[in-house]
Protein backbone atom coordinates (compact mmCIF):
# COMPACT_ATOMS: atom_id res chain seq x y z
CA MET A 1 -61.66 -6.53 -7.05
CA TYR A 2 -58.40 -5.29 -8.70
CA ILE A 3 -56.04 -2.40 -8.03
CA GLN A 4 -56.47 0.16 -10.78
CA TYR A 5 -54.06 -0.52 -13.67
CA SER A 6 -53.66 1.82 -16.63
CA MET A 7 -50.58 2.23 -18.81
CA ASP A 8 -51.97 5.47 -20.26
CA GLN A 9 -52.25 7.28 -16.91
CA LEU A 10 -49.38 9.58 -15.75
CA TRP A 11 -48.48 9.23 -12.09
CA LEU A 12 -46.75 11.62 -9.68
CA PRO A 13 -44.03 12.01 -8.61
CA MET A 14 -42.24 11.77 -11.97
CA ASP A 15 -38.75 12.24 -10.48
CA LEU A 16 -36.72 9.00 -10.64
CA GLU A 17 -34.86 9.95 -7.45
CA GLU A 18 -37.90 8.98 -5.40
CA ASP A 19 -37.32 5.34 -6.39
CA ILE A 20 -33.65 5.25 -5.32
CA PRO A 21 -32.84 4.40 -1.65
CA GLN A 22 -30.82 7.00 0.24
CA ASN A 23 -27.91 4.64 0.91
CA HIS A 24 -27.75 3.20 -2.61
CA LEU A 25 -24.31 2.84 -4.24
CA VAL A 26 -25.37 4.95 -7.21
CA ARG A 27 -25.69 7.95 -4.86
CA VAL A 28 -22.13 7.38 -3.59
CA VAL A 29 -20.79 7.36 -7.17
CA ASN A 30 -22.79 10.50 -7.95
CA ALA A 31 -21.47 12.36 -4.88
CA ALA A 32 -17.85 11.31 -5.50
CA VAL A 33 -17.76 12.40 -9.16
CA ASN A 34 -19.60 15.67 -8.39
CA ARG A 35 -16.71 16.62 -6.13
CA LEU A 36 -14.24 16.43 -9.02
CA ASP A 37 -13.04 19.72 -10.47
CA ASP A 38 -14.44 20.34 -13.98
CA ALA A 39 -10.95 21.51 -15.02
CA ILE A 40 -9.76 17.88 -14.83
CA PHE A 41 -11.63 17.15 -18.06
CA ASP A 42 -10.79 20.37 -19.94
CA ALA A 43 -7.61 18.99 -21.53
CA ALA A 44 -9.59 16.13 -23.12
CA TYR A 45 -12.03 18.55 -24.80
CA PRO A 46 -10.27 21.00 -27.15
CA GLY A 47 -13.59 22.55 -28.22
CA GLY A 48 -15.20 23.05 -31.63
CA GLY A 49 -17.93 21.04 -33.31
CA ARG A 50 -21.24 20.13 -31.73
CA ASP A 51 -21.72 20.13 -27.95
CA SER A 52 -20.49 16.99 -26.17
CA TYR A 53 -22.15 15.01 -23.41
CA HIS A 54 -20.92 16.23 -20.03
CA PRO A 55 -17.80 14.25 -19.04
CA LYS A 56 -18.99 13.96 -15.43
CA MET A 57 -22.18 12.27 -16.57
CA LEU A 58 -20.27 9.78 -18.71
CA THR A 59 -17.77 9.19 -15.89
CA LYS A 60 -20.60 8.43 -13.44
CA VAL A 61 -22.26 6.05 -15.90
CA ILE A 62 -19.03 4.13 -16.58
CA ILE A 63 -17.95 3.90 -12.92
CA TYR A 64 -21.37 2.73 -11.79
CA ALA A 65 -21.50 0.23 -14.66
CA TYR A 66 -18.17 -1.23 -13.54
CA THR A 67 -19.45 -1.62 -9.98
CA GLN A 68 -22.31 -3.68 -11.47
CA ARG A 69 -19.83 -5.75 -13.51
CA ILE A 70 -21.07 -4.32 -16.79
CA TYR A 71 -18.11 -3.66 -19.09
CA SER A 72 -19.47 -3.84 -22.66
CA SER A 73 -20.23 -0.40 -24.13
CA ARG A 74 -23.36 -1.83 -25.76
CA GLN A 75 -24.57 -3.26 -22.44
CA ILE A 76 -23.89 0.08 -20.71
CA ALA A 77 -25.87 1.94 -23.40
CA LYS A 78 -28.70 -0.59 -22.98
CA ALA A 79 -28.71 -0.07 -19.20
CA VAL A 80 -28.93 3.72 -19.68
CA ARG A 81 -32.12 3.16 -21.69
CA GLU A 82 -33.70 0.52 -19.41
CA ASN A 83 -32.31 0.68 -15.85
CA ILE A 84 -33.72 3.30 -13.43
CA MET A 85 -30.38 3.77 -11.62
CA PHE A 86 -28.58 4.44 -14.89
CA MET A 87 -31.40 6.70 -16.12
CA TRP A 88 -31.14 8.79 -12.95
CA ILE A 89 -27.36 9.12 -12.94
CA ALA A 90 -27.38 9.97 -16.67
CA GLY A 91 -30.08 12.62 -16.18
CA ARG A 92 -32.27 10.72 -18.67
CA GLN A 93 -29.73 11.39 -21.43
CA ARG A 94 -28.98 8.46 -23.74
CA PRO A 95 -25.41 8.32 -25.04
CA ASP A 96 -24.97 5.48 -27.53
CA PHE A 97 -22.33 2.75 -27.24
CA ARG A 98 -19.96 4.55 -29.65
CA THR A 99 -19.96 7.68 -27.46
CA ILE A 100 -19.34 5.62 -24.32
CA ASN A 101 -16.55 3.62 -25.93
CA ARG A 102 -14.87 6.72 -27.43
CA PHE A 103 -15.03 8.51 -24.08
CA ARG A 104 -13.40 5.75 -22.04
CA SER A 105 -10.82 4.68 -24.66
CA GLU A 106 -9.77 8.14 -25.88
CA ARG A 107 -10.83 11.04 -23.68
CA MET A 108 -10.96 9.23 -20.32
CA LYS A 109 -7.57 7.63 -20.95
CA THR A 110 -5.72 10.93 -20.38
CA VAL A 111 -7.54 11.85 -17.16
CA LEU A 112 -8.07 8.44 -15.54
CA GLU A 113 -5.11 8.81 -13.15
CA THR A 114 -6.26 12.31 -12.15
CA VAL A 115 -9.81 11.11 -11.47
CA PHE A 116 -8.51 8.20 -9.39
CA THR A 117 -6.29 10.54 -7.35
CA ALA A 118 -9.15 13.01 -6.82
CA VAL A 119 -11.43 10.23 -5.52
CA LEU A 120 -8.65 9.08 -3.15
CA GLN A 121 -8.30 12.62 -1.82
CA PHE A 122 -12.07 12.67 -1.26
CA LEU A 123 -11.80 9.40 0.71
CA ALA A 124 -8.90 10.81 2.74
CA GLU A 125 -10.83 14.03 3.55
CA GLU A 126 -13.77 11.96 4.80
CA ASN A 127 -11.39 9.77 6.88
CA TYR A 128 -12.24 6.58 5.01
CA VAL A 129 -8.50 6.06 4.48
CA GLN A 130 -5.60 7.33 6.59
CA LEU A 131 -2.69 5.52 4.89
CA GLU A 132 -1.82 3.81 8.17
CA HIS A 133 -2.00 0.11 7.22
CA TYR A 134 -1.45 -0.54 3.52
CA PHE A 135 -2.09 -4.10 2.32
CA VAL A 136 -0.46 -4.83 -1.03
CA ASP A 137 -0.66 -7.88 -3.26
CA GLY A 138 -0.33 -8.66 -6.94
CA THR A 139 -1.95 -10.86 -9.52
CA LYS A 140 -1.12 -11.75 -13.09
CA ILE A 141 -3.72 -11.00 -15.74
CA GLU A 142 -3.49 -12.68 -19.12
CA ALA A 143 -3.30 -10.23 -22.02
CA ASN A 144 -5.78 -10.32 -24.88
CA ALA A 145 -3.03 -11.47 -27.22
CA ASN A 146 -2.06 -14.56 -29.15
CA ARG A 147 -0.17 -16.75 -26.68
CA TYR A 148 1.85 -18.43 -29.46
CA THR A 149 3.31 -15.29 -31.11
CA PHE A 150 6.15 -14.69 -28.70
CA VAL A 151 9.61 -13.13 -29.06
CA TRP A 152 12.29 -14.24 -26.59
CA GLY A 153 15.15 -11.92 -25.69
CA LYS A 154 17.79 -14.68 -25.57
CA ALA A 155 16.75 -15.94 -29.01
CA VAL A 156 17.01 -12.42 -30.47
CA VAL A 157 20.52 -11.93 -29.02
CA LYS A 158 21.63 -15.36 -30.27
CA GLN A 159 20.24 -14.92 -33.79
CA LYS A 160 21.59 -11.38 -34.07
CA ALA A 161 25.09 -12.56 -33.08
CA LYS A 162 24.94 -15.33 -35.71
CA LEU A 163 23.82 -12.86 -38.37
CA GLN A 164 26.60 -10.41 -37.47
CA GLU A 165 29.15 -13.22 -37.76
CA LYS A 166 27.69 -14.14 -41.17
CA VAL A 167 28.01 -10.52 -42.33
CA GLN A 168 31.62 -10.35 -41.10
CA ASN A 169 32.48 -13.55 -42.97
CA LEU A 170 30.81 -12.26 -46.14
CA PHE A 171 32.76 -9.01 -46.10
CA ALA A 172 35.96 -10.90 -45.28
CA ALA A 173 35.38 -13.03 -48.39
CA ILE A 174 34.81 -9.90 -50.50
CA LYS A 175 38.03 -8.32 -49.19
CA GLU A 176 39.97 -11.51 -49.85
CA ALA A 177 38.73 -11.58 -53.44
CA GLU A 178 39.69 -7.95 -54.00
CA LYS A 179 43.19 -8.41 -52.60
CA GLU A 180 44.10 -10.22 -55.79
CA GLU A 181 43.14 -7.19 -57.88
CA ASP A 182 45.05 -3.97 -58.17
CA GLY A 183 41.83 -2.01 -57.45
CA THR A 184 41.37 1.65 -56.69
CA HIS A 185 39.24 1.05 -53.60
CA ARG A 186 42.00 -0.03 -51.26
CA GLY A 187 41.48 3.17 -49.21
CA ARG A 188 37.82 2.29 -48.70
CA ASP A 189 37.94 -1.23 -47.33
CA LEU A 190 34.68 -1.12 -45.33
CA SER A 191 36.60 -0.44 -42.13
CA GLU A 192 33.68 1.57 -40.78
CA LEU A 193 32.02 -1.73 -39.91
CA GLY A 194 34.63 -2.19 -37.22
CA GLU A 195 36.81 -5.21 -36.65
CA SER A 196 35.57 -5.93 -33.16
CA SER A 197 32.56 -3.68 -32.58
CA ALA A 198 29.04 -4.95 -33.20
CA ILE A 199 27.60 -4.41 -36.65
CA THR A 200 24.54 -2.17 -36.64
CA SER A 201 21.98 -1.81 -39.42
CA GLU A 202 23.16 1.79 -39.91
CA LYS A 203 26.76 0.68 -40.45
CA LEU A 204 25.64 -2.14 -42.71
CA GLU A 205 23.45 0.19 -44.77
CA HIS A 206 26.44 2.48 -45.32
CA ALA A 207 28.65 -0.44 -46.31
CA VAL A 208 26.03 -1.73 -48.76
CA LYS A 209 25.97 1.67 -50.48
CA GLN A 210 29.75 1.46 -50.87
CA LEU A 211 29.41 -1.97 -52.44
CA GLU A 212 26.76 -0.66 -54.81
CA GLU A 213 29.24 2.00 -55.99
CA ARG A 214 31.82 -0.73 -56.66
CA LEU A 215 29.25 -2.80 -58.50
CA GLN A 216 28.56 0.08 -60.88
CA GLU A 217 32.26 0.11 -61.77
CA LYS A 218 32.39 -3.70 -62.07
CA PRO A 219 28.89 -4.70 -63.28
CA LYS A 220 30.04 -8.19 -64.37
CA ASP A 221 31.41 -9.16 -60.97
CA LYS A 222 29.13 -12.15 -60.18
CA PRO A 223 30.37 -12.83 -56.60
CA LEU A 224 29.79 -9.17 -55.72
CA LYS A 225 26.30 -9.27 -57.29
CA LYS A 226 25.47 -12.38 -55.25
CA ALA A 227 26.73 -10.74 -52.05
CA MET A 228 24.68 -7.62 -52.75
CA ARG A 229 21.50 -9.65 -53.25
CA MET A 230 22.09 -11.48 -49.97
CA LEU A 231 22.74 -8.26 -48.10
CA ARG A 232 19.80 -6.31 -49.50
CA LYS A 233 17.15 -9.04 -49.44
CA ASP A 234 18.15 -11.08 -46.39
CA LEU A 235 20.87 -9.90 -44.01
CA LEU A 236 20.04 -6.17 -43.74
CA PRO A 237 16.25 -6.67 -43.23
CA ARG A 238 16.91 -9.36 -40.62
CA LEU A 239 19.38 -7.14 -38.73
CA GLN A 240 16.86 -4.28 -38.75
CA LYS A 241 14.19 -6.69 -37.45
CA TYR A 242 16.43 -7.87 -34.57
CA GLU A 243 17.24 -4.27 -33.61
CA THR A 244 13.52 -3.41 -33.56
CA GLN A 245 12.82 -6.44 -31.39
CA GLU A 246 15.60 -5.47 -28.95
CA ALA A 247 14.15 -1.95 -28.70
CA ILE A 248 10.69 -3.37 -27.86
CA LEU A 249 12.16 -5.83 -25.33
CA GLY A 250 14.11 -3.21 -23.39
CA THR A 251 15.10 -4.91 -20.12
CA ARG A 252 12.49 -7.67 -20.50
CA ASN A 253 13.13 -11.24 -21.61
CA SER A 254 10.06 -11.60 -23.85
CA TYR A 255 7.08 -9.90 -25.47
CA SER A 256 4.03 -10.79 -27.55
CA LYS A 257 3.96 -9.94 -31.25
CA THR A 258 0.27 -9.03 -31.02
CA ASP A 259 0.65 -6.96 -27.82
CA HIS A 260 4.14 -5.52 -27.48
CA ASP A 261 3.51 -4.38 -23.88
CA ALA A 262 2.64 -7.90 -22.68
CA THR A 263 5.42 -10.06 -21.20
CA PHE A 264 5.30 -13.86 -21.10
CA MET A 265 4.89 -15.10 -17.54
CA ARG A 266 3.43 -18.05 -15.69
CA MET A 267 -0.11 -17.45 -14.51
CA LYS A 268 -1.24 -18.42 -11.01
CA GLU A 269 -3.52 -21.21 -12.17
CA ASP A 270 -0.63 -22.76 -14.11
CA HIS A 271 1.91 -22.89 -11.27
CA MET A 272 0.68 -26.22 -9.92
CA ARG A 273 0.29 -27.77 -13.38
CA ASN A 274 3.59 -26.41 -14.72
CA GLY A 275 1.64 -25.01 -17.66
CA GLN A 276 2.85 -22.88 -20.53
CA LEU A 277 3.89 -19.26 -20.25
CA LYS A 278 1.26 -16.76 -21.38
CA PRO A 279 1.41 -13.07 -22.35
CA GLY A 280 0.24 -10.97 -19.44
CA TYR A 281 0.74 -8.18 -16.95
CA ASN A 282 1.49 -8.11 -13.24
CA VAL A 283 -1.11 -5.90 -11.54
CA GLN A 284 -0.26 -4.59 -8.07
CA ILE A 285 -3.10 -3.34 -5.86
CA GLY A 286 -2.93 -1.80 -2.40
CA THR A 287 -5.91 -1.41 -0.07
CA GLU A 288 -6.93 0.13 3.22
CA ASN A 289 -10.35 -0.38 4.84
CA GLN A 290 -11.37 -2.32 1.71
CA PHE A 291 -10.79 0.71 -0.55
CA ILE A 292 -8.29 0.42 -3.39
CA VAL A 293 -5.76 3.11 -2.51
CA GLY A 294 -3.12 2.36 -5.13
CA TYR A 295 -2.67 0.32 -8.27
CA SER A 296 0.09 -0.14 -10.82
CA LEU A 297 0.74 -2.25 -13.90
CA HIS A 298 4.07 -3.99 -14.46
CA GLN A 299 5.89 -6.06 -17.09
CA ARG A 300 7.84 -7.89 -14.39
CA PRO A 301 6.62 -11.39 -13.47
CA THR A 302 7.89 -11.38 -9.86
CA ASP A 303 6.23 -9.32 -7.12
CA THR A 304 9.61 -8.60 -5.47
CA ARG A 305 10.67 -6.18 -8.21
CA CYS A 306 7.27 -4.46 -8.35
CA LEU A 307 7.02 -3.17 -4.76
CA ILE A 308 9.30 -0.11 -5.04
CA PRO A 309 7.85 1.27 -8.31
CA HIS A 310 4.34 0.60 -6.96
CA LEU A 311 4.97 2.54 -3.74
CA GLU A 312 6.65 5.36 -5.69
CA LYS A 313 3.47 5.74 -7.73
CA VAL A 314 1.36 5.82 -4.56
CA LYS A 315 3.69 8.48 -3.16
CA SER A 316 3.37 10.62 -6.30
CA GLN A 317 -0.45 10.43 -6.14
CA LEU A 318 -1.01 10.97 -2.42
CA GLY A 319 2.08 12.96 -1.48
CA ARG A 320 3.40 10.46 1.06
CA LEU A 321 3.96 6.78 1.70
CA PRO A 322 1.81 4.65 4.04
CA SER A 323 2.95 4.31 7.66
CA THR A 324 2.93 0.50 7.53
CA VAL A 325 3.14 -1.84 4.53
CA ILE A 326 1.80 -5.39 4.90
CA ALA A 327 2.67 -7.93 2.20
CA ASP A 328 3.34 -11.64 1.79
CA ALA A 329 6.71 -13.36 1.37
CA GLY A 330 6.69 -12.72 -2.38
CA TYR A 331 7.86 -9.17 -1.60
CA GLY A 332 10.62 -10.15 0.84
CA GLY A 333 14.01 -8.95 -0.37
CA GLU A 334 16.94 -6.88 0.85
CA GLU A 335 16.34 -4.09 -1.67
CA ASN A 336 12.70 -3.72 -0.59
CA TYR A 337 13.56 -3.82 3.13
CA ASP A 338 16.23 -1.17 2.60
CA TYR A 339 13.80 1.07 0.67
CA LEU A 340 11.14 0.81 3.38
CA GLU A 341 13.68 1.46 6.12
CA GLN A 342 15.14 4.49 4.34
CA ASN A 343 11.62 5.95 3.97
CA GLU A 344 10.75 5.18 7.61
CA VAL A 345 7.94 2.81 6.67
CA GLU A 346 7.24 -0.08 9.04
CA ALA A 347 7.51 -3.33 7.08
CA ILE A 348 5.41 -6.35 7.95
CA VAL A 349 6.81 -8.36 5.06
CA LYS A 350 8.10 -11.93 5.41
CA TYR A 351 10.79 -13.44 3.21
CA SER A 352 10.70 -16.84 1.54
CA THR A 353 12.78 -18.75 4.12
CA TYR A 354 11.21 -17.11 7.20
CA HIS A 355 9.37 -20.20 8.51
CA ARG A 356 12.21 -22.60 7.67
CA GLU A 357 14.67 -20.47 9.63
CA LYS A 358 12.49 -20.93 12.72
CA SER A 359 12.82 -24.72 12.58
CA LYS A 360 15.30 -26.57 14.82
CA ALA A 361 16.93 -28.28 11.84
CA TRP A 362 17.83 -24.92 10.31
CA GLN A 363 19.12 -23.48 13.58
CA LYS A 364 21.41 -26.47 14.13
CA ASP A 365 22.81 -26.45 10.57
CA ILE A 366 26.34 -25.01 10.92
CA SER A 367 26.62 -24.52 7.15
CA LYS A 368 24.06 -21.69 7.30
CA ILE A 369 25.54 -18.20 7.62
CA ASP A 370 22.67 -17.29 9.97
CA ASN A 371 24.25 -19.61 12.58
CA TRP A 372 27.68 -17.99 12.35
CA THR A 373 28.91 -15.09 14.47
CA TYR A 374 28.77 -11.63 12.94
CA ASN A 375 31.38 -9.06 14.04
CA SER A 376 29.85 -5.64 13.38
CA GLU A 377 32.97 -3.50 13.97
CA PRO A 378 35.27 -5.09 11.35
CA ASP A 379 32.24 -6.30 9.28
CA THR A 380 33.32 -9.95 9.28
CA TRP A 381 31.77 -13.37 9.95
CA THR A 382 33.22 -16.18 12.03
CA CYS A 383 32.21 -19.61 10.76
CA ALA A 384 31.63 -22.76 12.83
CA ALA A 385 35.26 -23.80 12.29
CA GLY A 386 36.50 -20.53 13.81
CA GLN A 387 37.71 -19.04 10.52
CA THR A 388 37.15 -15.29 9.88
CA LEU A 389 35.48 -14.39 6.60
CA HIS A 390 36.00 -10.90 5.15
CA PHE A 391 33.62 -9.16 2.75
CA HIS A 392 34.86 -9.28 -0.84
C-alpha cells in the first residue's frame, strides 16, 4: 500500500553529485574557481598554526552564496550545513560563520581583484566575452554610514580661514603689547608664522613654544597667560582638526564622519523629490553578453568624471580596451570623447544636448555657436553678424 520508508536505512549512491543537474549554476562556479592558480591565494596565507580550510573551497561557497542572494556569514554557514548544493561544493566540510567572515573580509580582500581578473580571462578563453561591445553604466549606492555626520569642504576652508585670521589678530595684539616694553625678545618676534602665508599647525605649535618660554620669564603676565590658554585649548586643536579634515577630503567636497571614504551625493531615487544628500559611492559596471567585465568604485557623484578611470582599470586587468564603448548621455563630454578617440575606441556615447540640437528651434537659433561657421585653417568662428571670433 505504501512505498517503503525508513530513516534508518542507508541508500546508494551516497555521492551528492548524483542529485545535482549537469547544467546547474553550482557546477559553473566550481569549474571557474578550479581553473584559478593556487598561487593566487598564497600571499594571503603566511603559514604557521593549524591547517586552514582550502581557499578555493571558501571562494566557491561565497561566490555561489552571492549568486543565491545570500550575504550573511551566518546564513552561508547555515546553508553549508543544510543545502545539498552548498554541501557538495564545500566537500561536506562545515566552516563556521566566523571563518567565512574572516576569509572574505581579511584574506579574500587582498586577492579579490586577482580572482575577478582570472575569471574574466577564463570567460575570454571560452569566447564568452570578446571585448567588442562594452556597455557601461553607473549607479549610486548609499554607504552604511550616518547620513547626518557630514563634513563639507567649503565649510572647512571657511572656518580654517576665520581661525587663521583670529590667530593673526591674537599675535598682533601680543606684539603690540610688547612694543611698549624694552624686552629682550625683539629678535624673536614670531616672524616664522609669516605675514602673508597661511598659518599651519606646525608653525603655530612652534610659536606657542616660544610664547611658553616668554611666559616662564614673565609668569605674572596675565594677557600672555590668557593668550596661551586660548592657543593651547582652542585655536591649535581646531587648526589641527581642520588640517586633518582637509587631508581626508582631498579633491572632494564632502565626506562622512562615520565612513571617511563615502562622499555625499544625491541618490537616484531622490532626484525627482529633490531629497537630501546621502553618503555613498558611485559604482561603475561594464558588461558584455550579460557578463560583468569591469567594475570600479568612485567618490565622484557624476558619471562623466568616472569613465576614464573606469576604462583605465579595465585596461590594466584585461590588457586592452574594448573596441566599442556604449554609454548614455551622462558620460558625454569633450574629455571623454578625446580619450576614446586617442585610444582608437569607437564611442557610441550621446551628450546632454544631443536631442535638442536636432530640433528645428535649435538649428534656427543664431545665438548658438553650432549654427556659426567654423574656419578650420585659422581656427576661428564667424558669427551670424559676420564678425570673426578668435580663440582666446
